[in-house]
């Protein structure tokens, strides 16, 4: 083998290794992106499911704000859901509670919105007139976004 042949072989080997390295790095990047998006989707789905399941059996809505809600659930507990500094909180208890302390449900929440509808599907004039509630939740992390919308009819109305 001559020195020229050896240099050509080393060069070809380096080209092959560079190609394999690029494929490996691309695979890791894809895996990281998929993992983050799955986590964002999971956070959003768990949060919306929690809100909807509690809200479904509610008997009375006390605070029908656009970005927070307070209602009595099917067991007569005061339940509140709200976002503070990107964290979704839930409070369920016998006393009225407040929007200051509660259980953390999800982080990285960029939007929580409630829309209250009457029996005809029009915006409800008052909390007492609400027949169904549309929940919109958006979670965003590292430029990955999950936006979920769910509607729930209040059973006890």
Protein backbone atom coordinates (compact mmCIF):
# COMPACT_ATOMS: atom_id res chain seq x y z
CA UNK A 1 0.00 0.00 0.00
CA UNK A 2 1.30 3.39 -0.88
CA UNK A 3 1.04 6.54 1.16
CA UNK A 4 -1.44 7.98 -1.36
CA UNK A 5 -3.75 4.98 -1.04
CA UNK A 6 -3.57 5.20 2.75
CA UNK A 7 -4.44 8.91 2.69
CA UNK A 8 -7.38 8.28 0.35
CA UNK A 9 -8.65 5.49 2.64
CA UNK A 10 -8.36 7.71 5.71
CA UNK A 11 -10.17 10.54 3.89
CA UNK A 12 -13.01 8.23 2.77
CA UNK A 13 -13.25 6.84 6.32
CA UNK A 14 -13.51 10.37 7.74
CA UNK A 15 -16.26 11.22 5.25
CA UNK A 16 -18.22 8.12 6.30
CA UNK A 17 -17.74 8.97 10.00
CA UNK A 18 -18.86 12.56 9.41
CA UNK A 19 -22.04 11.29 7.70
CA UNK A 20 -22.76 8.86 10.54
CA UNK A 21 -22.18 11.65 13.07
CA UNK A 22 -24.65 13.96 11.30
CA UNK A 23 -27.28 11.20 11.25
CA UNK A 24 -26.70 10.52 14.96
CA UNK A 25 -26.99 14.20 15.90
CA UNK A 26 -30.15 14.59 13.78
CA UNK A 27 -31.66 11.58 15.55
CA UNK A 28 -30.89 13.03 18.97
CA UNK A 29 -32.39 16.38 17.99
CA UNK A 30 -35.55 14.71 16.72
CA UNK A 31 -35.82 12.63 19.87
CA UNK A 32 -35.45 15.73 22.06
CA UNK A 33 -38.04 17.66 20.05
CA UNK A 34 -40.51 14.78 20.20
CA UNK A 35 -39.95 14.34 23.92
CA UNK A 36 -40.60 18.02 24.68
CA UNK A 37 -43.74 18.09 22.51
CA UNK A 38 -45.05 14.93 24.18
CA UNK A 39 -44.47 16.45 27.61
CA UNK A 40 -46.28 19.64 26.64
CA UNK A 41 -49.22 17.64 25.23
CA UNK A 42 -49.34 15.48 28.36
CA UNK A 43 -49.38 18.50 30.69
CA UNK A 44 -52.19 20.13 28.75
CA UNK A 45 -54.29 16.97 28.50
CA UNK A 46 -54.01 16.15 32.21
CA UNK A 47 -54.95 19.71 33.17
CA UNK A 48 -57.97 19.91 30.84
CA UNK A 49 -59.17 16.46 31.90
CA UNK A 50 -58.96 17.50 35.54
CA UNK A 51 -60.91 20.71 34.98
CA UNK A 52 -63.58 19.02 32.86
CA UNK A 53 -64.10 16.08 35.23
CA UNK A 54 -64.58 18.38 38.22
CA UNK A 55 -66.74 20.83 36.29
CA UNK A 56 -69.00 18.19 34.76
CA UNK A 57 -70.74 17.44 38.04
CA UNK A 58 -70.89 21.00 39.30
CA UNK A 59 -74.09 22.30 40.76
CA UNK A 60 -73.42 26.02 40.90
CA UNK A 61 -70.90 28.38 39.34
CA UNK A 62 -69.87 31.11 41.79
CA UNK A 63 -67.29 33.03 39.73
CA UNK A 64 -67.66 32.93 35.95
CA UNK A 65 -64.59 34.95 34.96
CA UNK A 66 -62.90 34.60 31.60
CA UNK A 67 -59.58 33.41 33.05
CA UNK A 68 -60.60 31.62 36.26
CA UNK A 69 -63.53 29.67 37.62
CA UNK A 70 -65.06 28.90 41.01
CA UNK A 71 -67.88 26.39 41.35
CA UNK A 72 -69.43 23.85 43.70
CA UNK A 73 -68.66 20.32 42.57
CA UNK A 74 -70.92 17.27 42.86
CA UNK A 75 -69.76 16.64 46.44
CA UNK A 76 -70.50 20.22 47.46
CA UNK A 77 -66.83 21.24 47.62
CA UNK A 78 -65.68 24.66 46.51
CA UNK A 79 -63.44 24.20 43.47
CA UNK A 80 -61.33 26.88 41.85
CA UNK A 81 -59.03 26.76 38.84
CA UNK A 82 -56.77 29.66 37.89
CA UNK A 83 -53.36 30.50 36.43
CA UNK A 84 -50.76 32.50 38.31
CA UNK A 85 -47.38 33.27 36.71
CA UNK A 86 -47.63 30.40 34.24
CA UNK A 87 -48.78 27.76 36.72
CA UNK A 88 -52.27 26.27 36.74
CA UNK A 89 -53.64 25.84 40.26
CA UNK A 90 -56.61 23.94 41.66
CA UNK A 91 -58.25 24.37 45.01
CA UNK A 92 -61.02 22.04 46.19
CA UNK A 93 -62.19 22.23 49.78
CA UNK A 94 -65.09 22.76 52.12
CA UNK A 95 -64.35 26.44 52.77
CA UNK A 96 -64.53 29.03 50.03
CA UNK A 97 -60.75 29.27 49.72
CA UNK A 98 -59.14 31.90 47.57
CA UNK A 99 -57.08 32.33 44.44
CA UNK A 100 -53.83 32.52 46.49
CA UNK A 101 -53.11 28.93 47.44
CA UNK A 102 -53.88 25.63 45.87
CA UNK A 103 -52.51 22.49 44.33
CA UNK A 104 -50.26 22.89 41.30
CA UNK A 105 -51.65 21.08 38.26
CA UNK A 106 -49.45 22.22 35.37
CA UNK A 107 -46.61 24.58 34.63
CA UNK A 108 -45.78 26.54 31.46
CA UNK A 109 -49.45 27.53 31.00
CA UNK A 110 -49.70 30.55 28.71
CA UNK A 111 -53.49 30.74 28.44
CA UNK A 112 -56.50 29.57 30.41
CA UNK A 113 -59.85 30.81 29.19
CA UNK A 114 -63.43 29.91 30.05
CA UNK A 115 -66.47 30.66 27.94
CA UNK A 116 -69.89 30.27 29.56
CA UNK A 117 -72.83 29.35 27.35
CA UNK A 118 -76.56 29.21 28.01
CA UNK A 119 -78.96 26.48 26.82
CA UNK A 120 -79.05 27.95 23.30
CA UNK A 121 -75.25 27.99 23.01
CA UNK A 122 -75.04 31.76 23.33
CA UNK A 123 -72.82 33.57 25.85
CA UNK A 124 -74.49 33.34 29.26
CA UNK A 125 -75.54 36.66 30.79
CA UNK A 126 -74.84 35.49 34.36
CA UNK A 127 -73.08 32.64 36.13
CA UNK A 128 -76.47 31.17 37.06
CA UNK A 129 -77.49 31.04 33.39
CA UNK A 130 -74.42 28.99 32.38
CA UNK A 131 -75.47 25.60 31.00
CA UNK A 132 -72.13 24.60 29.52
CA UNK A 133 -68.54 25.78 29.76
CA UNK A 134 -65.86 25.82 27.07
CA UNK A 135 -62.32 25.46 28.43
CA UNK A 136 -59.32 26.63 26.41
CA UNK A 137 -55.86 25.81 27.74
CA UNK A 138 -52.52 26.50 26.11
CA UNK A 139 -49.20 25.17 27.38
CA UNK A 140 -45.93 26.31 25.82
CA UNK A 141 -42.38 25.15 26.51
CA UNK A 142 -39.26 25.79 24.41
CA UNK A 143 -41.29 26.91 21.36
CA UNK A 144 -43.46 23.78 21.59
CA UNK A 145 -47.15 24.46 22.02
CA UNK A 146 -50.23 22.47 22.95
CA UNK A 147 -53.60 24.18 22.68
CA UNK A 148 -56.59 22.19 23.88
CA UNK A 149 -60.23 23.14 23.79
CA UNK A 150 -62.94 21.17 25.50
CA UNK A 151 -66.61 21.80 26.17
CA UNK A 152 -68.50 20.39 29.10
CA UNK A 153 -72.22 20.43 29.81
CA UNK A 154 -72.99 20.92 33.46
CA UNK A 155 -74.90 17.81 34.59
CA UNK A 156 -76.74 19.39 37.44
CA UNK A 157 -78.21 22.25 35.41
